[in-house]
Amino acid sequence: MSHSATPARRGILASLPDASPAPLSACADLEAFDYSPDRHPVRTYVRSLSPGSSRETAVRVARSLARLASGDRIPWEAFPWHRLDYARVQALREAIADRWTPAGANLRLSMLRRILDEAFALELVDADTYQRARRVRSVRGRSGPSGRALAQKEIGALVEGCRAAGGAKGARDAALVLFLYATGARRLEACRVRWPEDLDLERRECTLRTKGGRQRTADLAPALVEALERWLRSRGRAAGPVFCAVDRLGEVHVRELAPGTLREILARRARELGVERFSPHDLRRTYATELLDAGVDLHVVQEMLDHAQIATTATKRSLV
């Protein structure tokens, strides 16, 4: 089933442009600060999060905020987070609101509040400065749904292009594209799939470990089974993560991919093959959209996607 792809929107965690931004005037006097390892507000916040994509996101946001405030002078590790008083936070909020969609801006502001919380808890800032700085308001406005559904010809170009590239990486990446597209898996779920316990190629089933420790079973289409078998011939049958690292020499290392690495793999393939930029979640979005367009009941799709709220599933309809 073919769909026309909508223009890709910038994701809320998209990287900043390569050009160094000018520092905010309110933050121009800030200098790097040498935090002790156990009294770093960002590191303390990151340690409070579950391992995986949440920690990765927090570091990415901290990096973007430090870069924006300092004009790329001070890395996030040495940025003086405890010196963000009311005036500096308001200036940073304005810059964030100008740079990102409301959803992206509010994600960053929410994490900035958490960093301020940790700075106060670590006794790096006094109560009055902390309470004033933390009063930063959210950005008003409503973002349209981000992302896009891919067309069938794009899926085909990705799979065939990966196969044509050959080697273990080509086999892995072709299987990865088909896996995300044909199961609707989240990227973290794909990273956590393990051989042999989660894959039953004879029964064409895969166990996905979802959010909150739940599990669901995804059916595997014949084309996906074939792609997985081809990849496993290159990977080998050692127990461990199905989708794992392949080095520059083509040697397979059976260790789990980070969700960010999975995203980078797909972004690189898209650039190489001339496919419009997309995210791993866009393949999940394509899966949902095609089910809805085929007439599958909304509640059934909700269950297949492991959505807690049916409104989340219904949103997929508006993306194409």
Protein backbone atom coordinates (compact mmCIF):
# COMPACT_ATOMS: atom_id res chain seq x y z
CA MET A 1 0.00 0.00 0.00
CA SER A 2 1.52 3.30 -1.07
CA HIS A 3 1.31 6.63 0.71
CA SER A 4 2.59 10.03 -0.31
CA ALA A 5 5.11 11.22 2.27
CA THR A 6 4.47 14.52 4.01
CA PRO A 7 7.31 17.04 4.39
CA ALA A 8 9.63 16.04 7.22
CA ARG A 9 9.41 18.26 10.28
CA ARG A 10 12.32 18.97 12.54
CA GLY A 11 12.32 16.62 15.52
CA ILE A 12 12.31 18.06 19.05
CA LEU A 13 15.75 16.62 19.67
CA ALA A 14 17.29 17.55 16.30
CA SER A 15 20.92 18.60 16.42
CA LEU A 16 21.86 22.26 16.38
CA PRO A 17 23.37 23.71 13.19
CA ASP A 18 27.10 23.37 12.73
CA ALA A 19 27.73 27.12 12.93
CA SER A 20 28.54 28.26 16.45
CA PRO A 21 25.76 30.47 17.88
CA ALA A 22 26.50 33.82 19.47
CA PRO A 23 26.43 33.66 23.28
CA LEU A 24 23.40 35.13 25.03
CA SER A 25 24.26 38.57 26.34
CA ALA A 26 22.90 37.65 29.79
CA CYS A 27 25.28 34.68 29.91
CA ALA A 28 28.33 36.29 28.30
CA ASP A 29 30.15 36.65 31.62
CA LEU A 30 29.80 32.99 32.59
CA GLU A 31 32.98 30.98 32.87
CA ALA A 32 33.64 27.24 32.95
CA PHE A 33 33.27 25.64 36.37
CA ASP A 34 35.05 22.53 37.61
CA TYR A 35 32.40 20.45 39.41
CA SER A 36 33.47 17.53 41.54
CA PRO A 37 32.15 14.22 40.14
CA ASP A 38 29.59 13.75 42.91
CA ARG A 39 28.32 17.36 42.84
CA HIS A 40 27.58 17.90 39.16
CA PRO A 41 23.88 18.88 38.74
CA VAL A 42 23.49 17.37 35.26
CA ARG A 43 25.32 14.14 36.05
CA THR A 44 23.30 13.77 39.25
CA TYR A 45 20.09 14.25 37.28
CA VAL A 46 21.18 11.76 34.61
CA ARG A 47 21.97 9.14 37.26
CA SER A 48 18.40 9.46 38.54
CA LEU A 49 17.01 8.34 35.16
CA SER A 50 16.59 4.82 33.86
CA PRO A 51 19.55 3.61 31.78
CA GLY A 52 19.09 3.93 28.04
CA SER A 53 17.40 6.55 25.90
CA SER A 54 16.26 8.75 28.81
CA ARG A 55 19.84 9.37 29.91
CA GLU A 56 20.94 9.87 26.34
CA THR A 57 18.20 12.47 25.82
CA ALA A 58 19.12 14.33 29.02
CA VAL A 59 22.76 14.64 27.96
CA ARG A 60 21.74 15.75 24.46
CA VAL A 61 19.50 18.47 25.91
CA ALA A 62 22.18 19.63 28.38
CA ARG A 63 24.66 19.89 25.51
CA SER A 64 22.26 21.97 23.40
CA LEU A 65 21.43 24.32 26.31
CA ALA A 66 25.07 24.92 27.23
CA ARG A 67 25.92 25.54 23.60
CA LEU A 68 23.07 27.99 23.17
CA ALA A 69 23.77 29.94 26.37
CA SER A 70 27.55 30.16 25.98
CA GLY A 71 27.83 30.44 22.22
CA ASP A 72 29.58 27.07 22.15
CA ARG A 73 32.33 28.39 24.46
CA ILE A 74 31.64 26.05 27.37
CA PRO A 75 30.84 22.32 27.10
CA TRP A 76 27.93 21.06 29.14
CA GLU A 77 30.25 19.23 31.54
CA ALA A 78 31.86 22.53 32.60
CA PHE A 79 28.91 24.87 32.13
CA PRO A 80 28.10 26.68 35.44
CA TRP A 81 24.52 25.51 35.81
CA HIS A 82 24.27 26.82 39.37
CA ARG A 83 24.81 30.38 38.11
CA LEU A 84 21.60 30.41 36.06
CA ASP A 85 19.62 33.03 37.93
CA TYR A 86 16.21 34.46 36.95
CA ALA A 87 17.52 36.89 34.32
CA ARG A 88 19.74 34.29 32.64
CA VAL A 89 17.01 31.64 32.63
CA GLN A 90 14.53 34.08 31.07
CA ALA A 91 17.04 34.99 28.36
CA LEU A 92 17.63 31.29 27.73
CA ARG A 93 13.88 30.66 27.59
CA GLU A 94 13.44 33.34 24.91
CA ALA A 95 16.25 31.86 22.83
CA ILE A 96 14.80 28.37 23.21
CA ALA A 97 11.32 29.56 22.19
CA ASP A 98 12.77 31.16 19.05
CA ARG A 99 14.72 28.07 18.11
CA TRP A 100 12.40 25.13 18.72
CA THR A 101 8.76 24.19 18.37
CA PRO A 102 6.65 24.55 21.55
CA ALA A 103 7.01 20.82 22.23
CA GLY A 104 10.78 20.94 21.76
CA ALA A 105 11.13 24.12 23.79
CA ASN A 106 9.09 22.78 26.70
CA LEU A 107 11.07 19.54 26.76
CA ARG A 108 14.24 21.58 27.23
CA LEU A 109 12.67 23.87 29.82
CA SER A 110 11.40 20.88 31.78
CA MET A 111 14.87 19.35 31.87
CA LEU A 112 16.38 22.73 32.76
CA ARG A 113 14.09 22.87 35.81
CA ARG A 114 15.27 19.41 36.84
CA ILE A 115 18.90 20.51 36.54
CA LEU A 116 18.12 23.54 38.72
CA ASP A 117 16.48 21.19 41.23
CA GLU A 118 19.68 19.18 41.46
CA ALA A 119 21.83 22.30 41.80
CA PHE A 120 19.70 23.36 44.77
CA ALA A 121 19.71 19.88 46.32
CA LEU A 122 23.50 19.82 46.05
CA GLU A 123 23.63 23.18 47.88
CA LEU A 124 25.23 24.91 44.91
CA VAL A 125 22.66 27.71 44.84
CA ASP A 126 20.72 29.56 47.53
CA ALA A 127 16.97 29.10 47.96
CA ASP A 128 15.94 32.57 46.74
CA THR A 129 17.95 32.37 43.50
CA TYR A 130 16.72 28.82 42.88
CA GLN A 131 13.03 29.61 43.43
CA ARG A 132 13.13 32.67 41.17
CA ALA A 133 15.01 30.86 38.40
CA ARG A 134 12.72 27.86 38.50
CA ARG A 135 9.63 29.98 37.87
CA VAL A 136 10.42 29.97 34.16
CA ARG A 137 7.16 29.64 32.22
CA SER A 138 6.50 27.05 29.58
CA VAL A 139 6.24 28.14 25.96
CA ARG A 140 2.69 28.51 24.76
CA GLY A 141 1.52 27.15 21.46
CA ARG A 142 0.71 23.82 19.96
CA SER A 143 3.00 21.97 17.62
CA GLY A 144 1.64 19.98 14.77
CA PRO A 145 2.55 16.28 14.84
CA SER A 146 6.18 15.75 13.94
CA GLY A 147 7.57 13.15 11.59
CA ARG A 148 6.21 11.48 8.51
CA ALA A 149 5.13 8.18 7.05
CA LEU A 150 7.44 6.72 4.44
CA ALA A 151 6.26 5.69 0.99
CA GLN A 152 6.59 2.07 -0.11
CA LYS A 153 9.17 3.10 -2.71
CA GLU A 154 11.32 4.60 0.05
CA ILE A 155 11.15 1.42 2.12
CA GLY A 156 12.10 -0.57 -0.97
CA ALA A 157 14.99 1.76 -1.79
CA LEU A 158 16.36 1.45 1.73
CA VAL A 159 16.15 -2.33 1.86
CA GLU A 160 17.54 -2.91 -1.62
CA GLY A 161 20.24 -0.28 -1.13
CA CYS A 162 21.42 -1.91 2.09
CA ARG A 163 21.49 -5.33 0.45
CA ALA A 164 23.40 -3.97 -2.53
CA ALA A 165 26.02 -2.53 -0.19
CA GLY A 166 26.79 -6.10 0.86
CA GLY A 167 28.65 -7.38 3.87
CA ALA A 168 27.45 -7.79 7.41
CA LYS A 169 26.45 -4.13 7.72
CA GLY A 170 24.29 -4.33 4.63
CA ALA A 171 22.53 -7.44 5.89
CA ARG A 172 22.04 -5.96 9.36
CA ASP A 173 20.71 -2.63 8.12
CA ALA A 174 18.29 -4.22 5.64
CA ALA A 175 16.92 -6.42 8.43
CA LEU A 176 16.73 -3.45 10.78
CA VAL A 177 14.71 -1.31 8.37
CA LEU A 178 12.28 -4.15 7.69
CA PHE A 179 12.04 -5.02 11.39
CA LEU A 180 11.06 -1.50 12.47
CA TYR A 181 8.68 -1.11 9.54
CA ALA A 182 6.99 -4.53 9.76
CA THR A 183 6.65 -4.81 13.56
CA GLY A 184 6.07 -1.21 14.63
CA ALA A 185 8.79 -1.63 17.25
CA ARG A 186 10.18 1.32 19.14
CA ARG A 187 13.92 1.77 18.68
CA LEU A 188 14.64 0.73 22.28
CA GLU A 189 12.51 -2.39 21.78
CA ALA A 190 14.51 -3.26 18.66
CA CYS A 191 17.78 -2.81 20.55
CA ARG A 192 16.59 -5.17 23.28
CA VAL A 193 15.52 -8.08 21.06
CA ARG A 194 17.74 -11.04 21.86
CA TRP A 195 18.68 -14.24 20.10
CA PRO A 196 17.44 -16.89 20.49
CA GLU A 197 14.86 -16.31 23.23
CA ASP A 198 12.94 -13.46 21.57
CA LEU A 199 12.88 -14.71 17.97
CA ASP A 200 10.96 -17.73 16.74
CA LEU A 201 11.58 -17.71 13.01
CA GLU A 202 9.71 -20.96 12.42
CA ARG A 203 6.54 -19.58 14.00
CA ARG A 204 7.30 -16.10 12.65
CA GLU A 205 6.99 -14.41 16.02
CA CYS A 206 9.06 -11.97 18.02
CA THR A 207 8.77 -10.92 21.66
CA LEU A 208 9.18 -7.19 22.22
CA ARG A 209 9.94 -5.76 25.66
CA THR A 210 7.86 -2.62 25.85
CA LYS A 211 7.71 0.39 28.11
CA GLY A 212 7.09 -0.32 31.78
CA GLY A 213 8.49 -3.85 31.60
CA ARG A 214 5.56 -5.22 29.59
CA GLN A 215 5.91 -7.65 26.70
CA ARG A 216 4.05 -8.03 23.44
CA THR A 217 4.33 -10.44 20.54
CA ALA A 218 4.79 -9.19 16.98
CA ASP A 219 4.13 -11.29 13.89
CA LEU A 220 7.00 -11.51 11.40
CA ALA A 221 6.21 -11.22 7.70
CA PRO A 222 7.96 -13.73 5.40
CA ALA A 223 10.15 -11.00 3.87
CA LEU A 224 11.29 -9.98 7.35
CA VAL A 225 12.03 -13.59 8.33
CA GLU A 226 14.17 -13.93 5.21
CA ALA A 227 16.04 -10.70 6.03
CA LEU A 228 16.62 -11.81 9.62
CA GLU A 229 17.91 -15.20 8.53
CA ARG A 230 20.31 -13.51 6.11
CA TRP A 231 21.58 -11.23 8.87
CA LEU A 232 21.94 -14.10 11.34
CA ARG A 233 24.14 -15.93 8.85
CA SER A 234 26.54 -12.97 9.01
CA ARG A 235 26.04 -12.32 12.71
CA GLY A 236 26.37 -15.90 13.84
CA ARG A 237 24.18 -17.75 16.32
CA ALA A 238 25.81 -16.60 19.56
CA ALA A 239 23.32 -15.64 22.27
CA GLY A 240 22.83 -11.91 22.70
CA PRO A 241 21.21 -8.90 21.05
CA VAL A 242 19.95 -9.55 17.54
CA PHE A 243 20.94 -6.14 16.20
CA CYS A 244 24.53 -5.57 17.23
CA ALA A 245 27.65 -3.68 16.29
CA VAL A 246 29.64 -4.21 13.08
CA ASP A 247 33.05 -2.54 12.87
CA ARG A 248 34.71 -0.93 9.85
CA LEU A 249 36.32 -4.20 8.88
CA GLY A 250 32.96 -5.94 8.80
CA GLU A 251 33.56 -7.88 12.01
CA VAL A 252 30.46 -8.46 14.13
CA HIS A 253 30.56 -7.67 17.85
CA VAL A 254 27.63 -9.16 19.75
CA ARG A 255 26.82 -6.25 22.03
CA GLU A 256 23.64 -4.24 22.28
CA LEU A 257 23.27 -1.13 20.14
CA ALA A 258 22.35 2.11 21.89
CA PRO A 259 19.10 3.68 20.61
CA GLY A 260 21.11 6.69 19.43
CA THR A 261 23.41 4.44 17.41
CA LEU A 262 20.38 2.82 15.78
CA ARG A 263 19.13 6.26 14.77
CA GLU A 264 22.54 7.17 13.32
CA ILE A 265 22.63 3.94 11.27
CA LEU A 266 19.33 4.80 9.60
CA ALA A 267 20.28 8.45 9.07
CA ARG A 268 23.51 7.42 7.36
CA ARG A 269 21.70 4.97 5.07
CA ALA A 270 19.13 7.62 4.16
CA ARG A 271 21.90 10.04 3.14
CA GLU A 272 23.74 7.39 1.14
CA LEU A 273 20.63 6.25 -0.72
CA GLY A 274 19.06 9.65 -1.36
CA VAL A 275 16.03 9.00 0.85
CA GLU A 276 14.47 11.98 2.58
CA ARG A 277 15.51 12.16 6.22
CA PHE A 278 13.43 10.08 8.62
CA SER A 279 13.62 8.82 12.18
CA PRO A 280 13.26 5.27 13.53
CA HIS A 281 9.88 6.35 14.92
CA ASP A 282 8.76 7.26 11.40
CA LEU A 283 8.97 3.56 10.49
CA ARG A 284 6.70 2.80 13.46
CA ARG A 285 4.43 5.62 12.29
CA THR A 286 4.33 4.11 8.78
CA TYR A 287 3.35 0.74 10.26
CA ALA A 288 0.47 2.32 12.20
CA THR A 289 -0.72 4.44 9.29
CA GLU A 290 -0.87 1.50 6.90
CA LEU A 291 -2.87 -0.55 9.41
CA LEU A 292 -5.36 2.28 9.88
CA ASP A 293 -5.65 2.88 6.14
CA ALA A 294 -6.26 -0.84 5.63
CA GLY A 295 -9.30 -0.58 7.90
CA VAL A 296 -7.89 -2.23 11.01
CA ASP A 297 -9.90 -1.15 14.06
CA LEU A 298 -8.32 1.71 16.00
CA HIS A 299 -8.42 -0.23 19.28
CA VAL A 300 -6.64 -3.17 17.65
CA VAL A 301 -3.91 -0.87 16.35
CA GLN A 302 -3.64 0.68 19.82
CA GLU A 303 -2.95 -2.77 21.27
CA MET A 304 -0.48 -3.67 18.53
CA LEU A 305 1.48 -0.46 19.17
CA ASP A 306 1.34 -0.77 22.96
CA HIS A 307 -0.17 2.69 23.29
CA ALA A 308 -1.57 3.49 26.73
CA GLN A 309 -3.94 6.12 25.30
CA ILE A 310 -6.03 5.64 22.18
CA ALA A 311 -5.60 9.34 21.39
CA THR A 312 -1.93 8.63 20.72
CA THR A 313 -2.89 6.03 18.13
CA ALA A 314 -5.51 8.26 16.54
CA THR A 315 -2.90 10.99 16.03
CA LYS A 316 -1.15 8.80 13.46
CA ARG A 317 -4.03 9.38 11.05
CA SER A 318 -3.27 13.11 10.82
CA LEU A 319 0.34 12.61 9.75
CA VAL A 320 -0.27 11.72 6.11
